[in-house]
N, C-alpha and C. Protein backbone atom coordinates (compact mmCIF):
# COMPACT_ATOMS: atom_id res chain seq x y z
N MET A 1 61.95 61.78 10.29
CA MET A 1 62.76 60.66 9.83
C MET A 1 62.39 59.38 10.59
N ASN A 2 62.23 59.48 11.87
CA ASN A 2 61.89 58.33 12.68
C ASN A 2 60.51 57.78 12.30
N ASN A 3 59.56 58.66 11.97
CA ASN A 3 58.23 58.23 11.56
C ASN A 3 58.29 57.42 10.28
N ILE A 4 59.17 57.77 9.37
CA ILE A 4 59.32 57.05 8.12
C ILE A 4 59.80 55.63 8.39
N LYS A 5 60.76 55.48 9.27
CA LYS A 5 61.27 54.15 9.62
C LYS A 5 60.17 53.30 10.24
N ILE A 6 59.39 53.89 11.11
CA ILE A 6 58.29 53.17 11.75
C ILE A 6 57.26 52.74 10.71
N MET A 7 56.91 53.66 9.80
CA MET A 7 55.93 53.33 8.75
C MET A 7 56.45 52.22 7.84
N LYS A 8 57.73 52.25 7.53
CA LYS A 8 58.32 51.20 6.69
C LYS A 8 58.22 49.85 7.38
N LYS A 9 58.50 49.82 8.69
CA LYS A 9 58.41 48.57 9.44
C LYS A 9 56.98 48.05 9.47
N ILE A 10 56.04 48.94 9.72
CA ILE A 10 54.63 48.54 9.76
C ILE A 10 54.20 48.02 8.40
N PHE A 11 54.54 48.75 7.35
CA PHE A 11 54.16 48.32 6.01
C PHE A 11 54.80 46.98 5.67
N SER A 12 56.07 46.81 5.99
CA SER A 12 56.74 45.54 5.70
C SER A 12 56.06 44.39 6.42
N THR A 13 55.66 44.61 7.65
CA THR A 13 54.96 43.57 8.41
C THR A 13 53.64 43.22 7.74
N LEU A 14 52.89 44.23 7.32
CA LEU A 14 51.62 43.97 6.65
C LEU A 14 51.82 43.22 5.34
N VAL A 15 52.85 43.57 4.62
CA VAL A 15 53.13 42.88 3.36
C VAL A 15 53.50 41.44 3.63
N VAL A 16 54.32 41.21 4.64
CA VAL A 16 54.69 39.84 4.98
C VAL A 16 53.45 39.03 5.30
N LEU A 17 52.56 39.58 6.09
CA LEU A 17 51.34 38.85 6.44
C LEU A 17 50.51 38.56 5.19
N GLY A 18 50.42 39.51 4.30
CA GLY A 18 49.68 39.29 3.08
C GLY A 18 50.31 38.25 2.20
N LEU A 19 51.62 38.27 2.07
CA LEU A 19 52.30 37.30 1.22
C LEU A 19 52.35 35.93 1.85
N VAL A 20 52.33 35.86 3.16
CA VAL A 20 52.26 34.55 3.79
C VAL A 20 50.99 33.85 3.34
N SER A 21 49.88 34.54 3.39
CA SER A 21 48.63 33.95 2.92
C SER A 21 48.72 33.64 1.44
N PHE A 22 49.19 34.58 0.66
CA PHE A 22 49.30 34.42 -0.78
C PHE A 22 50.20 33.24 -1.13
N GLY A 23 51.34 33.17 -0.48
CA GLY A 23 52.35 32.22 -0.87
C GLY A 23 52.10 30.80 -0.44
N PHE A 24 51.19 30.57 0.41
CA PHE A 24 51.05 29.24 0.97
C PHE A 24 49.88 28.44 0.44
N LYS A 25 48.75 29.04 0.27
CA LYS A 25 47.47 28.36 0.10
C LYS A 25 47.46 27.20 -0.90
N VAL A 26 47.69 27.45 -2.14
CA VAL A 26 47.53 26.42 -3.16
C VAL A 26 48.60 25.35 -3.07
N GLU A 27 49.84 25.77 -2.89
CA GLU A 27 50.93 24.79 -2.85
C GLU A 27 50.71 23.76 -1.76
N ALA A 28 50.38 24.21 -0.57
CA ALA A 28 50.22 23.29 0.54
C ALA A 28 48.97 22.44 0.41
N ALA A 29 47.87 23.05 0.01
CA ALA A 29 46.61 22.33 -0.06
C ALA A 29 46.63 21.25 -1.13
N GLU A 30 47.31 21.51 -2.24
CA GLU A 30 47.30 20.54 -3.33
C GLU A 30 48.56 19.69 -3.36
N GLY A 31 49.49 19.96 -2.49
CA GLY A 31 50.76 19.26 -2.54
C GLY A 31 51.03 18.44 -1.31
N ALA A 32 52.21 18.62 -0.80
CA ALA A 32 52.73 17.78 0.26
C ALA A 32 51.98 17.88 1.58
N CYS A 33 51.20 18.92 1.78
CA CYS A 33 50.50 19.11 3.05
C CYS A 33 49.03 18.67 3.02
N LYS A 34 48.58 18.13 1.93
CA LYS A 34 47.16 17.79 1.80
C LYS A 34 46.68 16.88 2.93
N ALA A 35 47.40 15.81 3.21
CA ALA A 35 46.99 14.88 4.27
C ALA A 35 47.06 15.55 5.65
N ASP A 36 48.07 16.37 5.86
CA ASP A 36 48.20 17.07 7.14
C ASP A 36 47.07 18.07 7.35
N ILE A 37 46.70 18.76 6.28
CA ILE A 37 45.59 19.70 6.37
C ILE A 37 44.31 18.95 6.71
N HIS A 38 44.10 17.84 6.04
CA HIS A 38 42.90 17.04 6.32
C HIS A 38 42.90 16.54 7.77
N LYS A 39 44.05 16.10 8.25
CA LYS A 39 44.15 15.53 9.59
C LYS A 39 44.03 16.58 10.70
N TYR A 40 44.72 17.71 10.54
CA TYR A 40 44.83 18.68 11.63
C TYR A 40 44.01 19.96 11.44
N CYS A 41 43.69 20.29 10.21
CA CYS A 41 43.12 21.62 9.94
C CYS A 41 41.86 21.57 9.09
N SER A 42 41.16 20.46 9.08
CA SER A 42 40.00 20.33 8.21
C SER A 42 38.87 21.30 8.56
N GLU A 43 38.83 21.77 9.78
CA GLU A 43 37.78 22.70 10.21
C GLU A 43 38.17 24.17 10.02
N VAL A 44 39.39 24.40 9.55
CA VAL A 44 39.90 25.76 9.40
C VAL A 44 39.45 26.34 8.06
N LYS A 45 38.94 27.56 8.11
CA LYS A 45 38.53 28.25 6.89
C LYS A 45 39.79 28.86 6.25
N PRO A 46 40.10 28.48 5.00
CA PRO A 46 41.29 29.02 4.34
C PRO A 46 41.19 30.53 4.14
N GLY A 47 42.34 31.16 4.06
CA GLY A 47 42.41 32.59 3.83
C GLY A 47 42.95 33.34 5.03
N GLU A 48 43.53 34.48 4.75
CA GLU A 48 44.05 35.38 5.77
C GLU A 48 45.05 34.71 6.71
N GLY A 49 45.74 33.68 6.22
CA GLY A 49 46.77 33.02 7.01
C GLY A 49 46.27 31.99 8.00
N HIS A 50 44.96 31.70 8.01
CA HIS A 50 44.42 30.75 8.99
C HIS A 50 45.01 29.35 8.83
N MET A 51 45.14 28.89 7.59
CA MET A 51 45.68 27.55 7.37
C MET A 51 47.15 27.49 7.80
N GLN A 52 47.90 28.52 7.48
CA GLN A 52 49.30 28.59 7.87
C GLN A 52 49.42 28.53 9.40
N LYS A 53 48.58 29.28 10.09
CA LYS A 53 48.61 29.29 11.55
C LYS A 53 48.29 27.92 12.11
N CYS A 54 47.30 27.25 11.52
CA CYS A 54 46.93 25.92 11.99
C CYS A 54 48.08 24.94 11.81
N LEU A 55 48.68 24.95 10.63
CA LEU A 55 49.80 24.03 10.40
C LEU A 55 50.97 24.35 11.31
N ASN A 56 51.23 25.61 11.54
CA ASN A 56 52.31 25.99 12.46
C ASN A 56 52.02 25.51 13.87
N ALA A 57 50.76 25.51 14.26
CA ALA A 57 50.37 25.03 15.59
C ALA A 57 50.61 23.53 15.75
N HIS A 58 50.61 22.81 14.63
CA HIS A 58 50.82 21.36 14.64
C HIS A 58 52.17 20.98 14.02
N LYS A 59 53.07 21.92 13.95
CA LYS A 59 54.32 21.74 13.22
C LYS A 59 55.08 20.47 13.62
N SER A 60 55.14 20.18 14.88
CA SER A 60 55.91 19.01 15.32
C SER A 60 55.30 17.69 14.85
N ALA A 61 54.00 17.70 14.54
CA ALA A 61 53.33 16.47 14.11
C ALA A 61 53.20 16.35 12.59
N LEU A 62 53.61 17.36 11.85
CA LEU A 62 53.44 17.33 10.40
C LEU A 62 54.37 16.32 9.74
N SER A 63 53.96 15.85 8.58
CA SER A 63 54.80 14.94 7.81
C SER A 63 56.06 15.66 7.34
N SER A 64 57.10 14.90 7.09
CA SER A 64 58.36 15.50 6.61
C SER A 64 58.18 16.25 5.30
N PRO A 65 57.44 15.70 4.32
CA PRO A 65 57.25 16.46 3.07
C PRO A 65 56.53 17.79 3.29
N CYS A 66 55.57 17.83 4.20
CA CYS A 66 54.87 19.07 4.48
C CYS A 66 55.80 20.07 5.16
N LYS A 67 56.58 19.61 6.12
CA LYS A 67 57.55 20.49 6.78
C LYS A 67 58.51 21.08 5.77
N GLN A 68 58.98 20.26 4.83
CA GLN A 68 59.91 20.73 3.82
C GLN A 68 59.24 21.75 2.90
N THR A 69 57.98 21.51 2.54
CA THR A 69 57.23 22.44 1.69
C THR A 69 57.10 23.79 2.38
N LEU A 70 56.76 23.78 3.66
CA LEU A 70 56.64 25.02 4.42
C LEU A 70 57.96 25.76 4.51
N LYS A 71 59.03 25.03 4.71
CA LYS A 71 60.36 25.62 4.82
C LYS A 71 60.78 26.26 3.48
N THR A 72 60.54 25.56 2.39
CA THR A 72 60.89 26.07 1.06
C THR A 72 60.07 27.31 0.73
N ALA A 73 58.77 27.27 1.02
CA ALA A 73 57.90 28.41 0.74
C ALA A 73 58.35 29.63 1.56
N LYS A 74 58.74 29.41 2.79
CA LYS A 74 59.19 30.51 3.64
C LYS A 74 60.45 31.16 3.07
N LYS A 75 61.38 30.35 2.60
CA LYS A 75 62.62 30.88 2.01
C LYS A 75 62.32 31.68 0.74
N ARG A 76 61.42 31.17 -0.09
CA ARG A 76 61.09 31.88 -1.33
C ARG A 76 60.38 33.20 -1.04
N ARG A 77 59.50 33.21 -0.05
CA ARG A 77 58.83 34.46 0.33
C ARG A 77 59.84 35.48 0.84
N ALA A 78 60.79 35.02 1.66
CA ALA A 78 61.80 35.93 2.20
C ALA A 78 62.64 36.53 1.08
N LYS A 79 63.00 35.72 0.11
CA LYS A 79 63.79 36.20 -1.03
C LYS A 79 62.99 37.23 -1.83
N PHE A 80 61.71 36.94 -2.05
CA PHE A 80 60.83 37.85 -2.78
C PHE A 80 60.69 39.18 -2.02
N LEU A 81 60.45 39.11 -0.73
CA LEU A 81 60.29 40.32 0.07
C LEU A 81 61.54 41.18 0.06
N LYS A 82 62.68 40.55 0.14
CA LYS A 82 63.94 41.30 0.13
C LYS A 82 64.14 41.97 -1.22
N ALA A 83 63.87 41.26 -2.30
CA ALA A 83 64.08 41.79 -3.64
C ALA A 83 63.14 42.95 -3.96
N CYS A 84 61.93 42.92 -3.42
CA CYS A 84 60.91 43.91 -3.79
C CYS A 84 60.58 44.91 -2.69
N ARG A 85 61.30 44.89 -1.62
CA ARG A 85 60.96 45.73 -0.47
C ARG A 85 60.81 47.21 -0.83
N GLU A 86 61.82 47.79 -1.44
CA GLU A 86 61.78 49.22 -1.77
C GLU A 86 60.71 49.53 -2.81
N ASP A 87 60.52 48.63 -3.76
CA ASP A 87 59.49 48.83 -4.78
C ASP A 87 58.09 48.79 -4.16
N LYS A 88 57.89 47.92 -3.19
CA LYS A 88 56.59 47.86 -2.50
C LYS A 88 56.31 49.18 -1.80
N ILE A 89 57.33 49.70 -1.14
CA ILE A 89 57.16 50.96 -0.42
C ILE A 89 56.88 52.10 -1.41
N LYS A 90 57.61 52.12 -2.49
CA LYS A 90 57.50 53.20 -3.46
C LYS A 90 56.19 53.17 -4.25
N PHE A 91 55.78 51.99 -4.72
CA PHE A 91 54.64 51.89 -5.64
C PHE A 91 53.36 51.33 -5.03
N CYS A 92 53.48 50.54 -3.98
CA CYS A 92 52.32 49.76 -3.53
C CYS A 92 52.00 49.92 -2.05
N ALA A 93 52.29 51.09 -1.51
CA ALA A 93 52.06 51.31 -0.09
C ALA A 93 50.60 51.14 0.31
N ASN A 94 49.68 51.39 -0.63
CA ASN A 94 48.26 51.28 -0.31
C ASN A 94 47.59 50.06 -0.92
N ALA A 95 48.38 49.14 -1.44
CA ALA A 95 47.81 47.93 -2.06
C ALA A 95 47.17 47.06 -0.99
N PRO A 96 46.01 46.48 -1.28
CA PRO A 96 45.36 45.62 -0.29
C PRO A 96 46.12 44.31 -0.11
N ARG A 97 46.09 43.76 1.07
CA ARG A 97 46.72 42.47 1.35
C ARG A 97 45.94 41.34 0.70
N GLU A 98 44.64 41.48 0.66
CA GLU A 98 43.78 40.42 0.17
C GLU A 98 43.96 40.23 -1.34
N ASN A 99 43.65 39.02 -1.79
CA ASN A 99 43.62 38.69 -3.22
C ASN A 99 44.91 39.06 -3.94
N HIS A 100 46.03 38.85 -3.31
CA HIS A 100 47.34 39.05 -3.93
C HIS A 100 47.56 40.50 -4.35
N GLY A 101 46.99 41.43 -3.61
CA GLY A 101 47.04 42.84 -3.96
C GLY A 101 48.43 43.41 -4.17
N VAL A 102 49.38 43.04 -3.32
CA VAL A 102 50.73 43.57 -3.44
C VAL A 102 51.39 43.05 -4.71
N VAL A 103 51.27 41.76 -4.96
CA VAL A 103 51.88 41.19 -6.16
C VAL A 103 51.24 41.78 -7.41
N LYS A 104 49.93 41.91 -7.43
CA LYS A 104 49.25 42.52 -8.58
C LYS A 104 49.71 43.96 -8.77
N CYS A 105 49.85 44.69 -7.69
CA CYS A 105 50.31 46.07 -7.76
C CYS A 105 51.72 46.13 -8.34
N LEU A 106 52.61 45.30 -7.82
CA LEU A 106 53.97 45.29 -8.34
C LEU A 106 53.99 44.94 -9.82
N GLN A 107 53.19 43.98 -10.21
CA GLN A 107 53.14 43.60 -11.63
C GLN A 107 52.64 44.76 -12.49
N SER A 108 51.74 45.55 -11.97
CA SER A 108 51.23 46.69 -12.74
C SER A 108 52.27 47.80 -12.91
N HIS A 109 53.31 47.77 -12.09
CA HIS A 109 54.38 48.77 -12.16
C HIS A 109 55.68 48.15 -12.69
N LYS A 110 55.57 47.00 -13.31
CA LYS A 110 56.75 46.23 -13.70
C LYS A 110 57.81 47.04 -14.46
N PRO A 111 57.45 47.88 -15.44
CA PRO A 111 58.50 48.62 -16.16
C PRO A 111 59.35 49.52 -15.26
N ALA A 112 58.79 49.99 -14.15
CA ALA A 112 59.51 50.91 -13.28
C ALA A 112 60.20 50.23 -12.10
N LEU A 113 60.04 48.92 -11.96
CA LEU A 113 60.61 48.21 -10.81
C LEU A 113 62.11 48.02 -10.94
N SER A 114 62.74 47.79 -9.80
CA SER A 114 64.16 47.46 -9.78
C SER A 114 64.37 46.13 -10.49
N SER A 115 65.56 45.90 -10.98
CA SER A 115 65.82 44.65 -11.71
C SER A 115 65.67 43.44 -10.79
N SER A 116 66.05 43.56 -9.53
CA SER A 116 65.92 42.42 -8.61
C SER A 116 64.46 42.08 -8.37
N CYS A 117 63.60 43.08 -8.28
CA CYS A 117 62.18 42.82 -8.08
C CYS A 117 61.57 42.23 -9.35
N LYS A 118 61.95 42.76 -10.50
CA LYS A 118 61.46 42.19 -11.77
C LYS A 118 61.82 40.72 -11.88
N ASP A 119 63.07 40.39 -11.53
CA ASP A 119 63.50 38.99 -11.57
C ASP A 119 62.70 38.13 -10.60
N SER A 120 62.44 38.69 -9.42
CA SER A 120 61.68 37.95 -8.41
C SER A 120 60.23 37.76 -8.84
N LEU A 121 59.66 38.74 -9.50
CA LEU A 121 58.28 38.62 -9.98
C LEU A 121 58.13 37.56 -11.05
N ALA A 122 59.22 37.25 -11.75
CA ALA A 122 59.18 36.20 -12.75
C ALA A 122 58.96 34.84 -12.09
N HIS A 123 59.34 34.73 -10.82
CA HIS A 123 59.16 33.50 -10.02
C HIS A 123 58.64 33.90 -8.65
N PRO A 124 57.37 34.36 -8.57
CA PRO A 124 56.85 34.81 -7.27
C PRO A 124 56.76 33.69 -6.27
N PRO A 125 56.54 34.03 -5.01
CA PRO A 125 56.43 32.99 -3.97
C PRO A 125 55.39 31.96 -4.36
N PRO A 126 55.55 30.73 -3.90
CA PRO A 126 54.58 29.68 -4.24
C PRO A 126 53.19 30.04 -3.78
N ARG A 127 52.21 29.63 -4.56
CA ARG A 127 50.81 29.89 -4.21
C ARG A 127 50.19 28.69 -3.56
């Protein structure tokens, strides 16, 4: 029983890391964080959460619109993770983090998902 709890925690952490990358990239780069990315993170290779880490390292210097975008994206990811947590464990334990693997996996199991996860998938975390 204890091993199951540990595995769930590890899996949840991996999913969070994967969705952080998934949920941030396009919204920030093309939206409110474009100038901040150019100013502070232009040498950072996007992907695997690198851009998110860079912006977090410069958080105090970021523009207000970028800070708000990051805050909103974080809230939406948290809501998505909460709604789909059990479905991720049940259907997508081996889904890759890269290339939106968890979201794609969940979408492929949509008929069998909980209603809260289905609703959340209709409005996934920002990209």
